[in-house]
PDB file of N, CA and C in Angstrom:
ATOM      1  N   UNK A   1       1.083  -1.026   0.095  1.00  0.00           N
ATOM      2  CA  UNK A   1       0.034  -0.067   0.083  1.00  0.00           C
ATOM      3  C   UNK A   1       0.913   1.143  -0.112  1.00  0.00           C
ATOM      4  N   UNK A   2       0.653   2.372  -0.655  1.00  0.00           N
ATOM      5  CA  UNK A   2       1.395   3.444  -0.757  1.00  0.00           C
ATOM      6  C   UNK A   2       1.483   4.233   0.436  1.00  0.00           C
ATOM      7  N   UNK A   3       1.960   5.164   0.391  1.00  0.00           N
ATOM      8  CA  UNK A   3       2.236   6.287   1.508  1.00  0.00           C
ATOM      9  C   UNK A   3       0.929   6.974   1.298  1.00  0.00           C
ATOM     10  N   UNK A   4       0.805   7.579   0.304  1.00  0.00           N
ATOM     11  CA  UNK A   4      -0.462   8.546   0.087  1.00  0.00           C
ATOM     12  C   UNK A   4      -1.746   7.724   0.150  1.00  0.00           C
ATOM     13  N   UNK A   5      -1.754   6.567   0.062  1.00  0.00           N
ATOM     14  CA  UNK A   5      -3.354   5.530   0.226  1.00  0.00           C
ATOM     15  C   UNK A   5      -3.418   5.683   1.950  1.00  0.00           C
ATOM     16  N   UNK A   6      -2.036   5.340   2.572  1.00  0.00           N
ATOM     17  CA  UNK A   6      -2.233   5.338   3.888  1.00  0.00           C
ATOM     18  C   UNK A   6      -2.453   6.366   4.801  1.00  0.00           C
ATOM     19  N   UNK A   7      -2.121   7.623   3.970  1.00  0.00           N
ATOM     20  CA  UNK A   7      -2.273   9.196   4.426  1.00  0.00           C
ATOM     21  C   UNK A   7      -3.640   9.505   4.489  1.00  0.00           C
ATOM     22  N   UNK A   8      -4.526   9.047   3.419  1.00  0.00           N
ATOM     23  CA  UNK A   8      -5.565   9.002   3.065  1.00  0.00           C
ATOM     24  C   UNK A   8      -6.658   8.415   4.115  1.00  0.00           C
ATOM     25  N   UNK A   9      -6.214   6.932   4.102  1.00  0.00           N
ATOM     26  CA  UNK A   9      -7.284   6.164   4.817  1.00  0.00           C
ATOM     27  C   UNK A   9      -7.069   6.778   6.558  1.00  0.00           C
ATOM     28  N   UNK A  10      -5.706   7.275   7.056  1.00  0.00           N
ATOM     29  CA  UNK A  10      -5.577   7.947   8.295  1.00  0.00           C
ATOM     30  C   UNK A  10      -6.527   9.090   8.550  1.00  0.00           C
ATOM     31  N   UNK A  11      -6.462  10.021   7.452  1.00  0.00           N
ATOM     32  CA  UNK A  11      -7.280  11.242   7.648  1.00  0.00           C
ATOM     33  C   UNK A  11      -8.549  10.968   7.611  1.00  0.00           C
ATOM     34  N   UNK A  12      -9.171   9.770   6.763  1.00  0.00           N
ATOM     35  CA  UNK A  12     -10.686   9.986   6.926  1.00  0.00           C
ATOM     36  C   UNK A  12     -10.856   9.169   8.119  1.00  0.00           C
ATOM     37  N   UNK A  13     -10.438   8.281   8.759  1.00  0.00           N
ATOM     38  CA  UNK A  13     -10.439   7.902   9.933  1.00  0.00           C
ATOM     39  C   UNK A  13     -10.256   8.671  11.045  1.00  0.00           C
ATOM     40  N   UNK A  14      -9.466   9.908  10.998  1.00  0.00           N
ATOM     41  CA  UNK A  14      -9.400  10.799  12.002  1.00  0.00           C
ATOM     42  C   UNK A  14     -10.502  11.875  11.882  1.00  0.00           C
ATOM     43  N   UNK A  15     -10.490  12.600  10.848  1.00  0.00           N
ATOM     44  CA  UNK A  15     -11.578  13.483  10.297  1.00  0.00           C
ATOM     45  C   UNK A  15     -13.151  13.012  10.268  1.00  0.00           C
ATOM     46  N   UNK A  16     -13.486  11.838  10.179  1.00  0.00           N
ATOM     47  CA  UNK A  16     -14.433  11.037   9.987  1.00  0.00           C
ATOM     48  C   UNK A  16     -14.710  10.296  11.141  1.00  0.00           C
ATOM     49  N   UNK A  17     -14.182   9.203  11.138  1.00  0.00           N
ATOM     50  CA  UNK A  17     -14.313   7.963  12.311  1.00  0.00           C
ATOM     51  C   UNK A  17     -14.467   8.295  13.494  1.00  0.00           C
ATOM     52  N   UNK A  18     -13.338   9.069  14.037  1.00  0.00           N
ATOM     53  CA  UNK A  18     -13.331   9.554  15.474  1.00  0.00           C
ATOM     54  C   UNK A  18     -14.583  10.413  15.911  1.00  0.00           C
ATOM     55  N   UNK A  19     -14.666  11.759  14.912  1.00  0.00           N
ATOM     56  CA  UNK A  19     -16.050  12.386  15.335  1.00  0.00           C
ATOM     57  C   UNK A  19     -17.280  11.448  15.621  1.00  0.00           C
ATOM     58  N   UNK A  20     -17.618  10.455  14.413  1.00  0.00           N
ATOM     59  CA  UNK A  20     -18.995   9.530  14.658  1.00  0.00           C
ATOM     60  C   UNK A  20     -19.036   8.791  15.787  1.00  0.00           C
ATOM     61  N   UNK A  21     -17.610   7.923  15.975  1.00  0.00           N
ATOM     62  CA  UNK A  21     -17.703   7.481  17.027  1.00  0.00           C
ATOM     63  C   UNK A  21     -17.792   7.871  18.218  1.00  0.00           C
ATOM     64  N   UNK A  22     -17.229   8.807  18.465  1.00  0.00           N
ATOM     65  CA  UNK A  22     -17.502   9.801  19.606  1.00  0.00           C
ATOM     66  C   UNK A  22     -18.980  10.000  19.800  1.00  0.00           C
ATOM     67  N   UNK A  23     -19.751  10.625  18.626  1.00  0.00           N
ATOM     68  CA  UNK A  23     -20.979  11.228  18.894  1.00  0.00           C
ATOM     69  C   UNK A  23     -21.834   9.878  19.257  1.00  0.00           C
ATOM     70  N   UNK A  24     -21.699   8.732  18.586  1.00  0.00           N
ATOM     71  CA  UNK A  24     -21.998   7.437  19.059  1.00  0.00           C
ATOM     72  C   UNK A  24     -22.257   7.573  20.554  1.00  0.00           C
ATOM     73  N   UNK A  25     -21.062   7.514  21.223  1.00  0.00           N
ATOM     74  CA  UNK A  25     -20.864   7.121  22.228  1.00  0.00           C
ATOM     75  C   UNK A  25     -21.320   8.569  23.297  1.00  0.00           C
ATOM     76  N   UNK A  26     -21.509   9.706  22.901  1.00  0.00           N
ATOM     77  CA  UNK A  26     -22.118  10.796  23.828  1.00  0.00           C
ATOM     78  C   UNK A  26     -23.789  10.709  23.675  1.00  0.00           C
ATOM     79  N   UNK A  27     -24.118  10.225  22.575  1.00  0.00           N
ATOM     80  CA  UNK A  27     -25.526  10.249  22.399  1.00  0.00           C
ATOM     81  C   UNK A  27     -26.403   9.622  23.625  1.00  0.00           C
ATOM     82  N   UNK A  28     -26.086   8.462  23.965  1.00  0.00           N
ATOM     83  CA  UNK A  28     -26.779   7.712  25.141  1.00  0.00           C
ATOM     84  C   UNK A  28     -26.930   8.582  26.124  1.00  0.00           C
ATOM     85  N   UNK A  29     -25.487   9.220  26.938  1.00  0.00           N
ATOM     86  CA  UNK A  29     -25.396  10.187  28.026  1.00  0.00           C
ATOM     87  C   UNK A  29     -26.190  11.242  27.967  1.00  0.00           C
ATOM     88  N   UNK A  30     -26.276  12.059  26.784  1.00  0.00           N
ATOM     89  CA  UNK A  30     -27.166  13.058  26.372  1.00  0.00           C
ATOM     90  C   UNK A  30     -28.559  12.881  26.501  1.00  0.00           C
ATOM     91  N   UNK A  31     -29.111  11.387  26.136  1.00  0.00           N
ATOM     92  CA  UNK A  31     -30.392  11.145  26.090  1.00  0.00           C
ATOM     93  C   UNK A  31     -30.751  10.862  27.555  1.00  0.00           C
ATOM     94  N   UNK A  32     -30.091  10.088  28.236  1.00  0.00           N
ATOM     95  CA  UNK A  32     -30.227  10.123  29.681  1.00  0.00           C
ATOM     96  C   UNK A  32     -30.522  11.242  30.655  1.00  0.00           C
ATOM     97  N   UNK A  33     -29.505  12.366  30.527  1.00  0.00           N
ATOM     98  CA  UNK A  33     -29.640  13.417  30.977  1.00  0.00           C
ATOM     99  C   UNK A  33     -30.785  14.121  30.799  1.00  0.00           C
ATOM    100  N   UNK A  34     -31.327  14.273  29.338  1.00  0.00           N
ATOM    101  CA  UNK A  34     -32.311  14.796  29.134  1.00  0.00           C
ATOM    102  C   UNK A  34     -33.644  14.278  29.682  1.00  0.00           C
ATOM    103  N   UNK A  35     -33.562  12.936  29.579  1.00  0.00           N
ATOM    104  CA  UNK A  35     -34.618  11.759  30.043  1.00  0.00           C
ATOM    105  C   UNK A  35     -34.896  12.143  31.659  1.00  0.00           C
ATOM    106  N   UNK A  36     -33.938  11.841  32.155  1.00  0.00           N
ATOM    107  CA  UNK A  36     -34.131  12.190  33.821  1.00  0.00           C
ATOM    108  C   UNK A  36     -34.117  13.280  34.329  1.00  0.00           C
ATOM    109  N   UNK A  37     -33.723  14.531  33.634  1.00  0.00           N
ATOM    110  CA  UNK A  37     -33.475  15.837  34.066  1.00  0.00           C
ATOM    111  C   UNK A  37     -32.906  15.864  35.177  1.00  0.00           C
ATOM    112  N   UNK A  38     -31.723  14.790  35.321  1.00  0.00           N
ATOM    113  CA  UNK A  38     -30.899  14.938  36.685  1.00  0.00           C
ATOM    114  C   UNK A  38     -29.516  14.422  36.158  1.00  0.00           C
ATOM    115  N   UNK A  39     -28.293  15.166  36.785  1.00  0.00           N
ATOM    116  CA  UNK A  39     -27.090  14.950  36.737  1.00  0.00           C
ATOM    117  C   UNK A  39     -26.317  15.253  37.904  1.00  0.00           C
ATOM    118  N   UNK A  40     -26.946  14.647  39.133  1.00  0.00           N
ATOM    119  CA  UNK A  40     -26.292  14.601  40.262  1.00  0.00           C
ATOM    120  C   UNK A  40     -25.321  13.443  40.498  1.00  0.00           C
ATOM    121  N   UNK A  41     -25.238  12.423  39.411  1.00  0.00           N
ATOM    122  CA  UNK A  41     -24.135  11.427  39.500  1.00  0.00           C
ATOM    123  C   UNK A  41     -23.039  11.704  38.463  1.00  0.00           C
ATOM    124  N   UNK A  42     -23.122  12.825  38.067  1.00  0.00           N
ATOM    125  CA  UNK A  42     -21.949  13.037  37.143  1.00  0.00           C
ATOM    126  C   UNK A  42     -21.185  14.121  37.752  1.00  0.00           C
ATOM    127  N   UNK A  43     -19.777  13.850  37.680  1.00  0.00           N
ATOM    128  CA  UNK A  43     -18.893  14.938  38.430  1.00  0.00           C
ATOM    129  C   UNK A  43     -18.787  15.930  37.208  1.00  0.00           C
ATOM    130  N   UNK A  44     -18.914  17.032  37.721  1.00  0.00           N
ATOM    131  CA  UNK A  44     -18.622  18.149  36.813  1.00  0.00           C
ATOM    132  C   UNK A  44     -17.141  18.718  36.527  1.00  0.00           C
ATOM    133  N   UNK A  45     -16.449  18.222  37.753  1.00  0.00           N
ATOM    134  CA  UNK A  45     -15.492  18.673  37.743  1.00  0.00           C
ATOM    135  C   UNK A  45     -14.562  17.807  36.866  1.00  0.00           C
ATOM    136  N   UNK A  46     -14.849  16.675  36.591  1.00  0.00           N
ATOM    137  CA  UNK A  46     -14.107  15.758  35.388  1.00  0.00           C
ATOM    138  C   UNK A  46     -14.327  16.133  34.097  1.00  0.00           C
ATOM    139  N   UNK A  47     -15.761  16.553  33.685  1.00  0.00           N
ATOM    140  CA  UNK A  47     -16.061  17.385  32.584  1.00  0.00           C
ATOM    141  C   UNK A  47     -14.954  18.577  32.491  1.00  0.00           C
ATOM    142  N   UNK A  48     -14.765  19.462  33.491  1.00  0.00           N
ATOM    143  CA  UNK A  48     -14.235  20.535  33.172  1.00  0.00           C
ATOM    144  C   UNK A  48     -12.694  19.912  33.011  1.00  0.00           C
ATOM    145  N   UNK A  49     -12.186  19.015  33.699  1.00  0.00           N
ATOM    146  CA  UNK A  49     -10.983  18.577  33.418  1.00  0.00           C
ATOM    147  C   UNK A  49     -10.979  18.423  31.722  1.00  0.00           C
ATOM    148  N   UNK A  50     -11.984  17.539  31.235  1.00  0.00           N
ATOM    149  CA  UNK A  50     -12.087  16.966  29.821  1.00  0.00           C
ATOM    150  C   UNK A  50     -11.648  18.296  28.878  1.00  0.00           C
ATOM    151  N   UNK A  51     -12.674  19.226  29.320  1.00  0.00           N
ATOM    152  CA  UNK A  51     -12.835  20.428  28.683  1.00  0.00           C
ATOM    153  C   UNK A  51     -11.547  21.453  28.728  1.00  0.00           C
ATOM    154  N   UNK A  52     -10.754  21.006  29.560  1.00  0.00           N
ATOM    155  CA  UNK A  52      -9.438  21.815  29.613  1.00  0.00           C
ATOM    156  C   UNK A  52      -8.346  20.729  28.478  1.00  0.00           C
ATOM    157  N   UNK A  53      -8.331  19.728  28.986  1.00  0.00           N
ATOM    158  CA  UNK A  53      -7.686  18.669  28.142  1.00  0.00           C
ATOM    159  C   UNK A  53      -7.812  18.579  26.514  1.00  0.00           C
ATOM    160  N   UNK A  54      -9.103  18.811  26.573  1.00  0.00           N
ATOM    161  CA  UNK A  54      -9.287  18.815  24.883  1.00  0.00           C
ATOM    162  C   UNK A  54      -9.287  19.806  24.347  1.00  0.00           C
ATOM    163  N   UNK A  55      -9.285  21.228  25.004  1.00  0.00           N
ATOM    164  CA  UNK A  55      -8.961  22.350  24.427  1.00  0.00           C
ATOM    165  C   UNK A  55      -7.470  22.300  24.240  1.00  0.00           C
ATOM    166  N   UNK A  56      -6.403  21.915  25.191  1.00  0.00           N
ATOM    167  CA  UNK A  56      -5.183  21.808  24.882  1.00  0.00           C
ATOM    168  C   UNK A  56      -4.971  20.858  23.588  1.00  0.00           C
ATOM    169  N   UNK A  57      -5.747  19.963  23.266  1.00  0.00           N
ATOM    170  CA  UNK A  57      -5.619  19.055  22.114  1.00  0.00           C
ATOM    171  C   UNK A  57      -5.901  20.063  20.794  1.00  0.00           C
ATOM    172  N   UNK A  58      -7.015  20.820  20.859  1.00  0.00           N
ATOM    173  CA  UNK A  58      -7.504  21.701  19.749  1.00  0.00           C
ATOM    174  C   UNK A  58      -6.190  22.884  19.436  1.00  0.00           C
ATOM    175  N   UNK A  59      -5.806  23.285  20.629  1.00  0.00           N
ATOM    176  CA  UNK A  59      -4.780  24.428  20.440  1.00  0.00           C
ATOM    177  C   UNK A  59      -3.338  23.547  19.770  1.00  0.00           C
ATOM    178  N   UNK A  60      -3.126  22.273  20.018  1.00  0.00           N
ATOM    179  CA  UNK A  60      -2.150  21.778  19.298  1.00  0.00           C
ATOM    180  C   UNK A  60      -2.059  21.280  18.003  1.00  0.00           C
ATOM    181  N   UNK A  61      -3.545  20.850  17.434  1.00  0.00           N
ATOM    182  CA  UNK A  61      -3.883  20.619  16.428  1.00  0.00           C
ATOM    183  C   UNK A  61      -4.116  21.973  15.432  1.00  0.00           C
ATOM    184  N   UNK A  62      -4.111  23.010  16.052  1.00  0.00           N
ATOM    185  CA  UNK A  62      -4.379  24.210  15.114  1.00  0.00           C
ATOM    186  C   UNK A  62      -2.961  25.000  14.771  1.00  0.00           C
ATOM    187  N   UNK A  63      -2.067  24.699  15.989  1.00  0.00           N
ATOM    188  CA  UNK A  63      -0.744  24.861  15.632  1.00  0.00           C
ATOM    189  C   UNK A  63       0.054  24.223  14.685  1.00  0.00           C
ATOM    190  N   UNK A  64      -0.332  22.957  15.002  1.00  0.00           N
ATOM    191  CA  UNK A  64       0.246  21.783  13.760  1.00  0.00           C
ATOM    192  C   UNK A  64       0.001  22.389  12.549  1.00  0.00           C
ATOM    193  N   UNK A  65      -1.404  22.688  12.260  1.00  0.00           N
ATOM    194  CA  UNK A  65      -1.805  22.707  10.828  1.00  0.00           C
ATOM    195  C   UNK A  65      -1.228  24.206  10.353  1.00  0.00           C
ATOM    196  N   UNK A  66      -1.054  25.267  11.537  1.00  0.00           N
ATOM    197  CA  UNK A  66      -0.591  26.653  11.087  1.00  0.00           C
ATOM    198  C   UNK A  66       0.895  26.365  10.552  1.00  0.00           C
ATOM    199  N   UNK A  67       1.672  25.243  11.460  1.00  0.00           N
ATOM    200  CA  UNK A  67       3.166  25.484  11.429  1.00  0.00           C
ATOM    201  C   UNK A  67       3.403  24.596   9.989  1.00  0.00           C
ATOM    202  N   UNK A  68       2.762  23.368   9.804  1.00  0.00           N
ATOM    203  CA  UNK A  68       3.002  22.097   8.696  1.00  0.00           C
ATOM    204  C   UNK A  68       2.106  22.620   7.457  1.00  0.00           C
ATOM    205  N   UNK A  69       0.760  23.018   7.685  1.00  0.00           N
ATOM    206  CA  UNK A  69       0.094  23.146   6.546  1.00  0.00           C
ATOM    207  C   UNK A  69      -0.927  22.031   6.347  1.00  0.00           C
ATOM    208  N   UNK A  70      -0.769  20.685   7.539  1.00  0.00           N
ATOM    209  CA  UNK A  70      -1.225  19.514   6.990  1.00  0.00           C
ATOM    210  C   UNK A  70      -1.758  19.302   8.562  1.00  0.00           C
ATOM    211  N   UNK A  71      -2.826  18.326   8.300  1.00  0.00           N
ATOM    212  CA  UNK A  71      -3.538  17.904   9.698  1.00  0.00           C
ATOM    213  C   UNK A  71      -4.905  18.582   9.961  1.00  0.00           C
ATOM    214  N   UNK A  72      -5.585  19.171   8.826  1.00  0.00           N
ATOM    215  CA  UNK A  72      -6.827  19.645   9.125  1.00  0.00           C
ATOM    216  C   UNK A  72      -8.042  18.459   9.720  1.00  0.00           C
ATOM    217  N   UNK A  73      -7.833  16.912   9.021  1.00  0.00           N
ATOM    218  CA  UNK A  73      -8.514  16.190  10.050  1.00  0.00           C
ATOM    219  C   UNK A  73      -8.217  16.039  11.436  1.00  0.00           C
ATOM    220  N   UNK A  74      -7.019  16.563  12.036  1.00  0.00           N
ATOM    221  CA  UNK A  74      -7.060  16.472  13.621  1.00  0.00           C
ATOM    222  C   UNK A  74      -7.853  17.440  14.014  1.00  0.00           C
ATOM    223  N   UNK A  75      -7.783  18.854  13.467  1.00  0.00           N
ATOM    224  CA  UNK A  75      -8.357  19.975  13.982  1.00  0.00           C
ATOM    225  C   UNK A  75      -9.834  19.600  13.715  1.00  0.00           C
ATOM    226  N   UNK A  76     -10.211  19.198  12.638  1.00  0.00           N
ATOM    227  CA  UNK A  76     -11.755  18.669  12.887  1.00  0.00           C
ATOM    228  C   UNK A  76     -12.255  17.911  13.616  1.00  0.00           C
ATOM    229  N   UNK A  77     -11.428  16.627  14.103  1.00  0.00           N
ATOM    230  CA  UNK A  77     -11.622  15.771  14.960  1.00  0.00           C
ATOM    231  C   UNK A  77     -11.924  16.338  16.523  1.00  0.00           C
ATOM    232  N   UNK A  78     -10.617  17.175  16.685  1.00  0.00           N
ATOM    233  CA  UNK A  78     -10.349  17.710  18.052  1.00  0.00           C
ATOM    234  C   UNK A  78     -11.593  18.923  18.524  1.00  0.00           C
ATOM    235  N   UNK A  79     -11.763  19.563  17.391  1.00  0.00           N
ATOM    236  CA  UNK A  79     -12.961  20.582  17.692  1.00  0.00           C
ATOM    237  C   UNK A  79     -14.239  20.189  17.882  1.00  0.00           C
ATOM    238  N   UNK A  80     -14.552  19.160  17.053  1.00  0.00           N
ATOM    239  CA  UNK A  80     -16.118  18.155  17.397  1.00  0.00           C
ATOM    240  C   UNK A  80     -15.720  17.768  18.842  1.00  0.00           C
ATOM    241  N   UNK A  81     -14.634  16.903  19.140  1.00  0.00           N
ATOM    242  CA  UNK A  81     -14.597  16.435  20.523  1.00  0.00           C
ATOM    243  C   UNK A  81     -14.964  17.569  21.322  1.00  0.00           C
ATOM    244  N   UNK A  82     -14.482  18.695  21.380  1.00  0.00           N
ATOM    245  CA  UNK A  82     -14.484  19.816  22.254  1.00  0.00           C
ATOM    246  C   UNK A  82     -15.922  20.361  22.613  1.00  0.00           C
ATOM    247  N   UNK A  83     -16.717  20.418  21.143  1.00  0.00           N
ATOM    248  CA  UNK A  83     -18.188  20.584  20.926  1.00  0.00           C
ATOM    249  C   UNK A  83     -19.064  19.680  21.823  1.00  0.00           C
ATOM    250  N   UNK A  84     -18.571  18.499  21.424  1.00  0.00           N
ATOM    251  CA  UNK A  84     -19.585  17.223  22.203  1.00  0.00           C
ATOM    252  C   UNK A  84     -19.287  17.442  23.572  1.00  0.00           C
ATOM    253  N   UNK A  85     -18.108  17.723  24.187  1.00  0.00           N
ATOM    254  CA  UNK A  85     -17.832  17.926  25.656  1.00  0.00           C
ATOM    255  C   UNK A  85     -18.622  19.208  26.432  1.00  0.00           C
ATOM    256  N   UNK A  86     -18.459  20.241  25.669  1.00  0.00           N
ATOM    257  CA  UNK A  86     -19.268  21.591  25.758  1.00  0.00           C
ATOM    258  C   UNK A  86     -20.710  21.307  25.954  1.00  0.00           C
ATOM    259  N   UNK A  87     -21.014  20.342  24.902  1.00  0.00           N
ATOM    260  CA  UNK A  87     -22.487  20.033  24.973  1.00  0.00           C
ATOM    261  C   UNK A  87     -22.969  18.995  26.355  1.00  0.00           C
ATOM    262  N   UNK A  88     -21.920  18.511  26.527  1.00  0.00           N
ATOM    263  CA  UNK A  88     -22.049  17.428  28.169  1.00  0.00           C
ATOM    264  C   UNK A  88     -22.188  18.261  28.893  1.00  0.00           C
ATOM    265  N   UNK A  89     -21.344  19.004  29.009  1.00  0.00           N
ATOM    266  CA  UNK A  89     -21.093  20.153  30.219  1.00  0.00           C
ATOM    267  C   UNK A  89     -22.454  21.053  30.376  1.00  0.00           C
ATOM    268  N   UNK A  90     -23.076  21.521  29.388  1.00  0.00           N
ATOM    269  CA  UNK A  90     -23.831  22.502  29.283  1.00  0.00           C
ATOM    270  C   UNK A  90     -25.272  21.539  29.680  1.00  0.00           C
ATOM    271  N   UNK A  91     -25.609  20.185  29.439  1.00  0.00           N
ATOM    272  CA  UNK A  91     -26.604  19.721  29.846  1.00  0.00           C
ATOM    273  C   UNK A  91     -26.253  19.008  31.515  1.00  0.00           C
ATOM    274  N   UNK A  92     -25.208  18.635  31.909  1.00  0.00           N
ATOM    275  CA  UNK A  92     -24.986  18.576  33.416  1.00  0.00           C
ATOM    276  C   UNK A  92     -25.357  19.878  33.983  1.00  0.00           C
ATOM    277  N   UNK A  93     -24.710  20.891  33.845  1.00  0.00           N
ATOM    278  CA  UNK A  93     -25.141  22.397  34.497  1.00  0.00           C
ATOM    279  C   UNK A  93     -26.477  22.367  34.360  1.00  0.00           C
ATOM    280  N   UNK A  94     -27.209  22.126  33.512  1.00  0.00           N
ATOM    281  CA  UNK A  94     -28.846  22.600  33.213  1.00  0.00           C
ATOM    282  C   UNK A  94     -29.773  21.875  34.077  1.00  0.00           C
ATOM    283  N   UNK A  95     -29.199  20.103  34.334  1.00  0.00           N
ATOM    284  CA  UNK A  95     -30.057  19.477  35.159  1.00  0.00           C
ATOM    285  C   UNK A  95     -29.512  19.122  36.380  1.00  0.00           C
ATOM    286  N   UNK A  96     -28.300  20.197  36.937  1.00  0.00           N
ATOM    287  CA  UNK A  96     -27.681  20.020  38.175  1.00  0.00           C
ATOM    288  C   UNK A  96     -28.593  20.377  39.177  1.00  0.00           C
ATOM    289  N   UNK A  97     -29.144  19.440  40.171  1.00  0.00           N
ATOM    290  CA  UNK A  97     -29.807  19.851  40.967  1.00  0.00           C
ATOM    291  C   UNK A  97     -29.511  20.872  42.148  1.00  0.00           C
ATOM    292  N   UNK A  98     -30.290  21.957  42.189  1.00  0.00           N
ATOM    293  CA  UNK A  98     -29.792  23.428  42.849  1.00  0.00           C
ATOM    294  C   UNK A  98     -30.053  23.048  44.412  1.00  0.00           C
TER     295      UNK A  98
END
């Protein structure tokens, strides 16, 4: 298999496979939060840490794209991952028992 084909496959998996699989994993959590309207059993502190961690990943991906001109798939998957986390944080905060 040629290097170009391997790069294309890697880009497709990173740019589309990772976000789609992540979305499939997040949807049941979102559905449960909306259905039960409760997030007392979910650690908001952990989600804030994941927000920071994924923000670092987005920053890294953007810098790599800026410096090398490659890695748009990594930028896309990192940004979508951050968006999924932010949706989860929003839902956790929305349904947090006051």
